Amino acid sequence: MDTLHETGSAPRILVVDDDAAALYATSRALRSAGFAVLTATTGTEALRRAPGADLVVLEIAARCDHGLQRRRRHRLDVYAGAAPVR
């Protein structure tokens, strides 16, 4: 699988999860697949880091900030759909 951008750099994936073990496992798997990984453990942190990401992978039911609410805010407020949220 080719994971390079047109610019020659690896796509940046933001992984958001408040569970440290899940965040570590997901990040490690993505890095070993050749992706550049950004991480966040809170919705606030995710919103700050989202503009640097090509794709956002987030937990649906976070304890501190409900994942679906975070997804809606990201789609509406951050940068109007420039990065897919999955």
PDB file of N, CA and C in Angstrom:
ATOM      1  N   MET A   1       0.839  -1.182   0.000  1.00  0.00           N
ATOM      2  CA  MET A   1       0.000   0.000   0.000  1.00  0.00           C
ATOM      3  C   MET A   1       0.883   1.244   0.000  1.00  0.00           C
ATOM      4  N   ASP A   2       0.599   2.156  -0.888  1.00  0.00           N
ATOM      5  CA  ASP A   2       1.341   3.406  -0.972  1.00  0.00           C
ATOM      6  C   ASP A   2       0.684   4.417  -0.055  1.00  0.00           C
ATOM      7  N   THR A   3       1.428   4.904   0.954  1.00  0.00           N
ATOM      8  CA  THR A   3       0.856   5.841   1.924  1.00  0.00           C
ATOM      9  C   THR A   3       1.448   7.239   1.806  1.00  0.00           C
ATOM     10  N   LEU A   4       2.010   7.585   0.651  1.00  0.00           N
ATOM     11  CA  LEU A   4       2.608   8.907   0.493  1.00  0.00           C
ATOM     12  C   LEU A   4       1.629   9.882  -0.133  1.00  0.00           C
ATOM     13  N   HIS A   5       1.691  11.119   0.333  1.00  0.00           N
ATOM     14  CA  HIS A   5       0.979  12.241  -0.283  1.00  0.00           C
ATOM     15  C   HIS A   5       1.613  12.552  -1.627  1.00  0.00           C
ATOM     16  N   GLU A   6       0.959  13.415  -2.345  1.00  0.00           N
ATOM     17  CA  GLU A   6       1.559  13.939  -3.567  1.00  0.00           C
ATOM     18  C   GLU A   6       2.871  14.657  -3.253  1.00  0.00           C
ATOM     19  N   THR A   7       3.000  15.192  -2.054  1.00  0.00           N
ATOM     20  CA  THR A   7       4.204  15.933  -1.667  1.00  0.00           C
ATOM     21  C   THR A   7       5.335  15.000  -1.238  1.00  0.00           C
ATOM     22  N   GLY A   8       5.075  13.699  -1.141  1.00  0.00           N
ATOM     23  CA  GLY A   8       6.095  12.755  -0.723  1.00  0.00           C
ATOM     24  C   GLY A   8       6.110  12.487   0.766  1.00  0.00           C
ATOM     25  N   SER A   9       5.227  13.128   1.523  1.00  0.00           N
ATOM     26  CA  SER A   9       5.175  12.890   2.962  1.00  0.00           C
ATOM     27  C   SER A   9       4.009  11.948   3.289  1.00  0.00           C
ATOM     28  N   ALA A  10       4.108  11.296   4.420  1.00  0.00           N
ATOM     29  CA  ALA A  10       3.053  10.375   4.843  1.00  0.00           C
ATOM     30  C   ALA A  10       1.808  11.154   5.260  1.00  0.00           C
ATOM     31  N   PRO A  11       0.621  10.646   4.952  1.00  0.00           N
ATOM     32  CA  PRO A  11      -0.609  11.292   5.414  1.00  0.00           C
ATOM     33  C   PRO A  11      -0.624  11.351   6.947  1.00  0.00           C
ATOM     34  N   ARG A  12      -1.180  12.437   7.472  1.00  0.00           N
ATOM     35  CA  ARG A  12      -1.246  12.640   8.924  1.00  0.00           C
ATOM     36  C   ARG A  12      -2.623  12.234   9.428  1.00  0.00           C
ATOM     37  N   ILE A  13      -2.631  11.327  10.392  1.00  0.00           N
ATOM     38  CA  ILE A  13      -3.882  10.860  10.980  1.00  0.00           C
ATOM     39  C   ILE A  13      -3.918  11.277  12.448  1.00  0.00           C
ATOM     40  N   LEU A  14      -4.991  11.959  12.822  1.00  0.00           N
ATOM     41  CA  LEU A  14      -5.202  12.331  14.213  1.00  0.00           C
ATOM     42  C   LEU A  14      -6.041  11.244  14.859  1.00  0.00           C
ATOM     43  N   VAL A  15      -5.503  10.614  15.904  1.00  0.00           N
ATOM     44  CA  VAL A  15      -6.220   9.583  16.658  1.00  0.00           C
ATOM     45  C   VAL A  15      -6.647  10.188  17.985  1.00  0.00           C
ATOM     46  N   VAL A  16      -7.953  10.128  18.268  1.00  0.00           N
ATOM     47  CA  VAL A  16      -8.497  10.714  19.486  1.00  0.00           C
ATOM     48  C   VAL A  16      -9.134   9.615  20.326  1.00  0.00           C
ATOM     49  N   ASP A  17      -8.612   9.439  21.534  1.00  0.00           N
ATOM     50  CA  ASP A  17      -9.165   8.438  22.452  1.00  0.00           C
ATOM     51  C   ASP A  17      -8.719   8.790  23.857  1.00  0.00           C
ATOM     52  N   ASP A  18      -9.615   8.684  24.823  1.00  0.00           N
ATOM     53  CA  ASP A  18      -9.242   8.976  26.204  1.00  0.00           C
ATOM     54  C   ASP A  18      -8.720   7.746  26.939  1.00  0.00           C
ATOM     55  N   ASP A  19      -8.691   6.602  26.271  1.00  0.00           N
ATOM     56  CA  ASP A  19      -8.131   5.379  26.845  1.00  0.00           C
ATOM     57  C   ASP A  19      -6.693   5.238  26.352  1.00  0.00           C
ATOM     58  N   ALA A  20      -5.738   5.333  27.274  1.00  0.00           N
ATOM     59  CA  ALA A  20      -4.314   5.344  26.905  1.00  0.00           C
ATOM     60  C   ALA A  20      -3.892   4.086  26.144  1.00  0.00           C
ATOM     61  N   ALA A  21      -4.387   2.921  26.552  1.00  0.00           N
ATOM     62  CA  ALA A  21      -4.009   1.673  25.889  1.00  0.00           C
ATOM     63  C   ALA A  21      -4.537   1.629  24.457  1.00  0.00           C
ATOM     64  N   ALA A  22      -5.767   2.061  24.262  1.00  0.00           N
ATOM     65  CA  ALA A  22      -6.358   2.080  22.917  1.00  0.00           C
ATOM     66  C   ALA A  22      -5.642   3.090  22.025  1.00  0.00           C
ATOM     67  N   LEU A  23      -5.326   4.250  22.596  1.00  0.00           N
ATOM     68  CA  LEU A  23      -4.611   5.281  21.845  1.00  0.00           C
ATOM     69  C   LEU A  23      -3.245   4.773  21.410  1.00  0.00           C
ATOM     70  N   TYR A  24      -2.543   4.115  22.309  1.00  0.00           N
ATOM     71  CA  TYR A  24      -1.224   3.568  22.003  1.00  0.00           C
ATOM     72  C   TYR A  24      -1.313   2.497  20.913  1.00  0.00           C
ATOM     73  N   ALA A  25      -2.236   1.563  21.062  1.00  0.00           N
ATOM     74  CA  ALA A  25      -2.358   0.458  20.093  1.00  0.00           C
ATOM     75  C   ALA A  25      -2.725   0.966  18.701  1.00  0.00           C
ATOM     76  N   THR A  26      -3.679   1.872  18.636  1.00  0.00           N
ATOM     77  CA  THR A  26      -4.102   2.419  17.341  1.00  0.00           C
ATOM     78  C   THR A  26      -2.975   3.215  16.701  1.00  0.00           C
ATOM     79  N   SER A  27      -2.327   4.054  17.488  1.00  0.00           N
ATOM     80  CA  SER A  27      -1.228   4.875  16.963  1.00  0.00           C
ATOM     81  C   SER A  27      -0.082   4.006  16.464  1.00  0.00           C
ATOM     82  N   ARG A  28       0.259   2.989  17.225  1.00  0.00           N
ATOM     83  CA  ARG A  28       1.357   2.103  16.837  1.00  0.00           C
ATOM     84  C   ARG A  28       1.043   1.370  15.528  1.00  0.00           C
ATOM     85  N   ALA A  29      -0.175   0.879  15.403  1.00  0.00           N
ATOM     86  CA  ALA A  29      -0.573   0.171  14.180  1.00  0.00           C
ATOM     87  C   ALA A  29      -0.512   1.099  12.962  1.00  0.00           C
ATOM     88  N   LEU A  30      -0.985   2.326  13.117  1.00  0.00           N
ATOM     89  CA  LEU A  30      -0.967   3.281  12.005  1.00  0.00           C
ATOM     90  C   LEU A  30       0.459   3.686  11.640  1.00  0.00           C
ATOM     91  N   ARG A  31       1.298   3.908  12.646  1.00  0.00           N
ATOM     92  CA  ARG A  31       2.702   4.261  12.363  1.00  0.00           C
ATOM     93  C   ARG A  31       3.408   3.125  11.637  1.00  0.00           C
ATOM     94  N   SER A  32       3.159   1.885  12.070  1.00  0.00           N
ATOM     95  CA  SER A  32       3.832   0.763  11.409  1.00  0.00           C
ATOM     96  C   SER A  32       3.320   0.566   9.986  1.00  0.00           C
ATOM     97  N   ALA A  33       2.149   1.120   9.678  1.00  0.00           N
ATOM     98  CA  ALA A  33       1.626   1.075   8.310  1.00  0.00           C
ATOM     99  C   ALA A  33       2.132   2.240   7.465  1.00  0.00           C
ATOM    100  N   GLY A  34       2.953   3.110   8.071  1.00  0.00           N
ATOM    101  CA  GLY A  34       3.571   4.184   7.315  1.00  0.00           C
ATOM    102  C   GLY A  34       2.924   5.547   7.437  1.00  0.00           C
ATOM    103  N   PHE A  35       1.956   5.686   8.325  1.00  0.00           N
ATOM    104  CA  PHE A  35       1.286   6.969   8.499  1.00  0.00           C
ATOM    105  C   PHE A  35       1.973   7.806   9.566  1.00  0.00           C
ATOM    106  N   ALA A  36       1.877   9.119   9.441  1.00  0.00           N
ATOM    107  CA  ALA A  36       2.301  10.038  10.499  1.00  0.00           C
ATOM    108  C   ALA A  36       1.099  10.180  11.430  1.00  0.00           C
ATOM    109  N   VAL A  37       1.312  10.050  12.730  1.00  0.00           N
ATOM    110  CA  VAL A  37       0.200  10.023  13.673  1.00  0.00           C
ATOM    111  C   VAL A  37       0.293  11.171  14.675  1.00  0.00           C
ATOM    112  N   LEU A  38      -0.805  11.892  14.801  1.00  0.00           N
ATOM    113  CA  LEU A  38      -0.995  12.894  15.838  1.00  0.00           C
ATOM    114  C   LEU A  38      -1.962  12.274  16.835  1.00  0.00           C
ATOM    115  N   THR A  39      -1.853  12.610  18.118  1.00  0.00           N
ATOM    116  CA  THR A  39      -2.777  12.049  19.098  1.00  0.00           C
ATOM    117  C   THR A  39      -3.383  13.138  19.967  1.00  0.00           C
ATOM    118  N   ALA A  40      -4.563  12.820  20.509  1.00  0.00           N
ATOM    119  CA  ALA A  40      -5.242  13.699  21.456  1.00  0.00           C
ATOM    120  C   ALA A  40      -6.063  12.831  22.396  1.00  0.00           C
ATOM    121  N   THR A  41      -6.184  13.284  23.642  1.00  0.00           N
ATOM    122  CA  THR A  41      -6.958  12.531  24.623  1.00  0.00           C
ATOM    123  C   THR A  41      -8.240  13.243  25.051  1.00  0.00           C
ATOM    124  N   THR A  42      -8.423  14.476  24.607  1.00  0.00           N
ATOM    125  CA  THR A  42      -9.644  15.229  24.930  1.00  0.00           C
ATOM    126  C   THR A  42     -10.177  15.897  23.669  1.00  0.00           C
ATOM    127  N   GLY A  43     -11.442  16.272  23.720  1.00  0.00           N
ATOM    128  CA  GLY A  43     -12.038  16.975  22.588  1.00  0.00           C
ATOM    129  C   GLY A  43     -11.375  18.302  22.317  1.00  0.00           C
ATOM    130  N   THR A  44     -11.027  19.018  23.374  1.00  0.00           N
ATOM    131  CA  THR A  44     -10.363  20.316  23.223  1.00  0.00           C
ATOM    132  C   THR A  44      -9.018  20.154  22.536  1.00  0.00           C
ATOM    133  N   GLU A  45      -8.253  19.165  22.982  1.00  0.00           N
ATOM    134  CA  GLU A  45      -6.947  18.892  22.372  1.00  0.00           C
ATOM    135  C   GLU A  45      -7.111  18.473  20.914  1.00  0.00           C
ATOM    136  N   ALA A  46      -8.136  17.671  20.639  1.00  0.00           N
ATOM    137  CA  ALA A  46      -8.390  17.216  19.265  1.00  0.00           C
ATOM    138  C   ALA A  46      -8.708  18.391  18.349  1.00  0.00           C
ATOM    139  N   LEU A  47      -9.511  19.317  18.823  1.00  0.00           N
ATOM    140  CA  LEU A  47      -9.860  20.477  18.008  1.00  0.00           C
ATOM    141  C   LEU A  47      -8.641  21.337  17.702  1.00  0.00           C
ATOM    142  N   ARG A  48      -7.702  21.426  18.653  1.00  0.00           N
ATOM    143  CA  ARG A  48      -6.465  22.190  18.418  1.00  0.00           C
ATOM    144  C   ARG A  48      -5.588  21.506  17.382  1.00  0.00           C
ATOM    145  N   ARG A  49      -5.545  20.182  17.389  1.00  0.00           N
ATOM    146  CA  ARG A  49      -4.640  19.452  16.496  1.00  0.00           C
ATOM    147  C   ARG A  49      -5.262  19.096  15.149  1.00  0.00           C
ATOM    148  N   ALA A  50      -6.569  19.157  15.030  1.00  0.00           N
ATOM    149  CA  ALA A  50      -7.258  18.735  13.807  1.00  0.00           C
ATOM    150  C   ALA A  50      -6.790  19.436  12.530  1.00  0.00           C
ATOM    151  N   PRO A  51      -6.495  20.729  12.551  1.00  0.00           N
ATOM    152  CA  PRO A  51      -6.063  21.368  11.297  1.00  0.00           C
ATOM    153  C   PRO A  51      -4.780  20.773  10.710  1.00  0.00           C
ATOM    154  N   GLY A  52      -3.983  20.081  11.511  1.00  0.00           N
ATOM    155  CA  GLY A  52      -2.763  19.457  11.002  1.00  0.00           C
ATOM    156  C   GLY A  52      -2.975  18.050  10.481  1.00  0.00           C
ATOM    157  N   ALA A  53      -4.215  17.569  10.485  1.00  0.00           N
ATOM    158  CA  ALA A  53      -4.499  16.181  10.108  1.00  0.00           C
ATOM    159  C   ALA A  53      -5.180  16.076   8.750  1.00  0.00           C
ATOM    160  N   ASP A  54      -4.898  14.967   8.070  1.00  0.00           N
ATOM    161  CA  ASP A  54      -5.585  14.645   6.826  1.00  0.00           C
ATOM    162  C   ASP A  54      -6.825  13.794   7.086  1.00  0.00           C
ATOM    163  N   LEU A  55      -6.806  13.076   8.215  1.00  0.00           N
ATOM    164  CA  LEU A  55      -7.907  12.199   8.598  1.00  0.00           C
ATOM    165  C   LEU A  55      -7.984  12.181  10.117  1.00  0.00           C
ATOM    166  N   VAL A  56      -9.200  12.168  10.655  1.00  0.00           N
ATOM    167  CA  VAL A  56      -9.398  12.093  12.098  1.00  0.00           C
ATOM    168  C   VAL A  56     -10.103  10.786  12.417  1.00  0.00           C
ATOM    169  N   VAL A  57      -9.506  10.007  13.319  1.00  0.00           N
ATOM    170  CA  VAL A  57     -10.113   8.767  13.810  1.00  0.00           C
ATOM    171  C   VAL A  57     -10.411   9.000  15.276  1.00  0.00           C
ATOM    172  N   LEU A  58     -11.700   8.899  15.659  1.00  0.00           N
ATOM    173  CA  LEU A  58     -12.021   9.183  17.043  1.00  0.00           C
ATOM    174  C   LEU A  58     -12.968   8.168  17.644  1.00  0.00           C
ATOM    175  N   GLU A  59     -12.878   8.072  18.949  1.00  0.00           N
ATOM    176  CA  GLU A  59     -13.744   7.213  19.732  1.00  0.00           C
ATOM    177  C   GLU A  59     -15.142   7.825  19.731  1.00  0.00           C
ATOM    178  N   ILE A  60     -16.155   7.012  19.552  1.00  0.00           N
ATOM    179  CA  ILE A  60     -17.522   7.532  19.502  1.00  0.00           C
ATOM    180  C   ILE A  60     -18.030   7.946  20.884  1.00  0.00           C
ATOM    181  N   ALA A  61     -17.678   7.209  21.923  1.00  0.00           N
ATOM    182  CA  ALA A  61     -18.228   7.490  23.260  1.00  0.00           C
ATOM    183  C   ALA A  61     -17.120   7.763  24.265  1.00  0.00           C
ATOM    184  N   ALA A  62     -16.515   8.915  24.175  1.00  0.00           N
ATOM    185  CA  ALA A  62     -15.477   9.309  25.134  1.00  0.00           C
ATOM    186  C   ALA A  62     -16.146   9.731  26.445  1.00  0.00           C
ATOM    187  N   ARG A  63     -15.481   9.461  27.556  1.00  0.00           N
ATOM    188  CA  ARG A  63     -16.050   9.816  28.865  1.00  0.00           C
ATOM    189  C   ARG A  63     -16.123  11.321  29.063  1.00  0.00           C
ATOM    190  N   CYS A  64     -15.116  12.055  28.607  1.00  0.00           N
ATOM    191  CA  CYS A  64     -15.035  13.480  28.921  1.00  0.00           C
ATOM    192  C   CYS A  64     -15.761  14.380  27.924  1.00  0.00           C
ATOM    193  N   ASP A  65     -15.920  13.943  26.705  1.00  0.00           N
ATOM    194  CA  ASP A  65     -16.543  14.782  25.670  1.00  0.00           C
ATOM    195  C   ASP A  65     -17.117  13.849  24.629  1.00  0.00           C
ATOM    196  N   HIS A  66     -18.407  13.702  24.586  1.00  0.00           N
ATOM    197  CA  HIS A  66     -19.041  12.709  23.727  1.00  0.00           C
ATOM    198  C   HIS A  66     -18.536  12.796  22.290  1.00  0.00           C
ATOM    199  N   GLY A  67     -18.125  11.678  21.755  1.00  0.00           N
ATOM    200  CA  GLY A  67     -17.505  11.617  20.433  1.00  0.00           C
ATOM    201  C   GLY A  67     -18.360  12.194  19.321  1.00  0.00           C
ATOM    202  N   LEU A  68     -19.670  11.923  19.342  1.00  0.00           N
ATOM    203  CA  LEU A  68     -20.531  12.453  18.288  1.00  0.00           C
ATOM    204  C   LEU A  68     -20.627  13.969  18.357  1.00  0.00           C
ATOM    205  N   GLN A  69     -20.661  14.536  19.571  1.00  0.00           N
ATOM    206  CA  GLN A  69     -20.668  16.000  19.700  1.00  0.00           C
ATOM    207  C   GLN A  69     -19.375  16.584  19.163  1.00  0.00           C
ATOM    208  N   ARG A  70     -18.254  15.932  19.465  1.00  0.00           N
ATOM    209  CA  ARG A  70     -16.953  16.390  18.980  1.00  0.00           C
ATOM    210  C   ARG A  70     -16.924  16.330  17.455  1.00  0.00           C
ATOM    211  N   ARG A  71     -17.486  15.267  16.882  1.00  0.00           N
ATOM    212  CA  ARG A  71     -17.507  15.128  15.428  1.00  0.00           C
ATOM    213  C   ARG A  71     -18.327  16.244  14.793  1.00  0.00           C
ATOM    214  N   ARG A  72     -19.489  16.531  15.360  1.00  0.00           N
ATOM    215  CA  ARG A  72     -20.316  17.614  14.814  1.00  0.00           C
ATOM    216  C   ARG A  72     -19.585  18.950  14.878  1.00  0.00           C
ATOM    217  N   ARG A  73     -18.969  19.248  16.038  1.00  0.00           N
ATOM    218  CA  ARG A  73     -18.222  20.505  16.169  1.00  0.00           C
ATOM    219  C   ARG A  73     -17.105  20.574  15.162  1.00  0.00           C
ATOM    220  N   HIS A  74     -16.394  19.473  14.975  1.00  0.00           N
ATOM    221  CA  HIS A  74     -15.287  19.449  14.024  1.00  0.00           C
ATOM    222  C   HIS A  74     -15.788  19.750  12.623  1.00  0.00           C
ATOM    223  N   ARG A  75     -16.842  19.088  12.217  1.00  0.00           N
ATOM    224  CA  ARG A  75     -17.368  19.292  10.863  1.00  0.00           C
ATOM    225  C   ARG A  75     -17.905  20.706  10.663  1.00  0.00           C
ATOM    226  N   LEU A  76     -18.516  21.279  11.675  1.00  0.00           N
ATOM    227  CA  LEU A  76     -19.127  22.592  11.516  1.00  0.00           C
ATOM    228  C   LEU A  76     -18.164  23.741  11.741  1.00  0.00           C
ATOM    229  N   ASP A  77     -17.278  23.602  12.726  1.00  0.00           N
ATOM    230  CA  ASP A  77     -16.503  24.749  13.161  1.00  0.00           C
ATOM    231  C   ASP A  77     -15.050  24.789  12.719  1.00  0.00           C
ATOM    232  N   VAL A  78     -14.399  23.666  12.604  1.00  0.00           N
ATOM    233  CA  VAL A  78     -12.947  23.707  12.434  1.00  0.00           C
ATOM    234  C   VAL A  78     -12.544  24.112  11.041  1.00  0.00           C
ATOM    235  N   TYR A  79     -12.845  23.293  10.044  1.00  0.00           N
ATOM    236  CA  TYR A  79     -12.462  23.729   8.716  1.00  0.00           C
ATOM    237  C   TYR A  79     -13.333  23.157   7.627  1.00  0.00           C
ATOM    238  N   ALA A  80     -14.603  23.173   7.897  1.00  0.00           N
ATOM    239  CA  ALA A  80     -15.664  22.938   6.916  1.00  0.00           C
ATOM    240  C   ALA A  80     -15.414  21.762   5.987  1.00  0.00           C
ATOM    241  N   GLY A  81     -15.067  20.631   6.573  1.00  0.00           N
ATOM    242  CA  GLY A  81     -14.952  19.410   5.792  1.00  0.00           C
ATOM    243  C   GLY A  81     -13.632  19.180   5.077  1.00  0.00           C
ATOM    244  N   ALA A  82     -12.599  19.950   5.392  1.00  0.00           N
ATOM    245  CA  ALA A  82     -11.326  19.767   4.700  1.00  0.00           C
ATOM    246  C   ALA A  82     -10.665  18.430   5.031  1.00  0.00           C
ATOM    247  N   ALA A  83     -10.878  17.894   6.243  1.00  0.00           N
ATOM    248  CA  ALA A  83     -10.330  16.588   6.617  1.00  0.00           C
ATOM    249  C   ALA A  83     -11.472  15.636   6.948  1.00  0.00           C
ATOM    250  N   PRO A  84     -11.455  14.449   6.378  1.00  0.00           N
ATOM    251  CA  PRO A  84     -12.524  13.492   6.693  1.00  0.00           C
ATOM    252  C   PRO A  84     -12.461  13.074   8.160  1.00  0.00           C
ATOM    253  N   VAL A  85     -13.610  12.841   8.741  1.00  0.00           N
ATOM    254  CA  VAL A  85     -13.713  12.346  10.117  1.00  0.00           C
ATOM    255  C   VAL A  85     -14.328  10.976  10.049  1.00  0.00           C
ATOM    256  N   ARG A  86     -13.637   9.969  10.542  1.00  0.00           N
ATOM    257  CA  ARG A  86     -14.136   8.588  10.506  1.00  0.00           C
ATOM    258  C   ARG A  86     -14.107   8.002  11.869  1.00  0.00           C
TER     259      ARG A  86
END
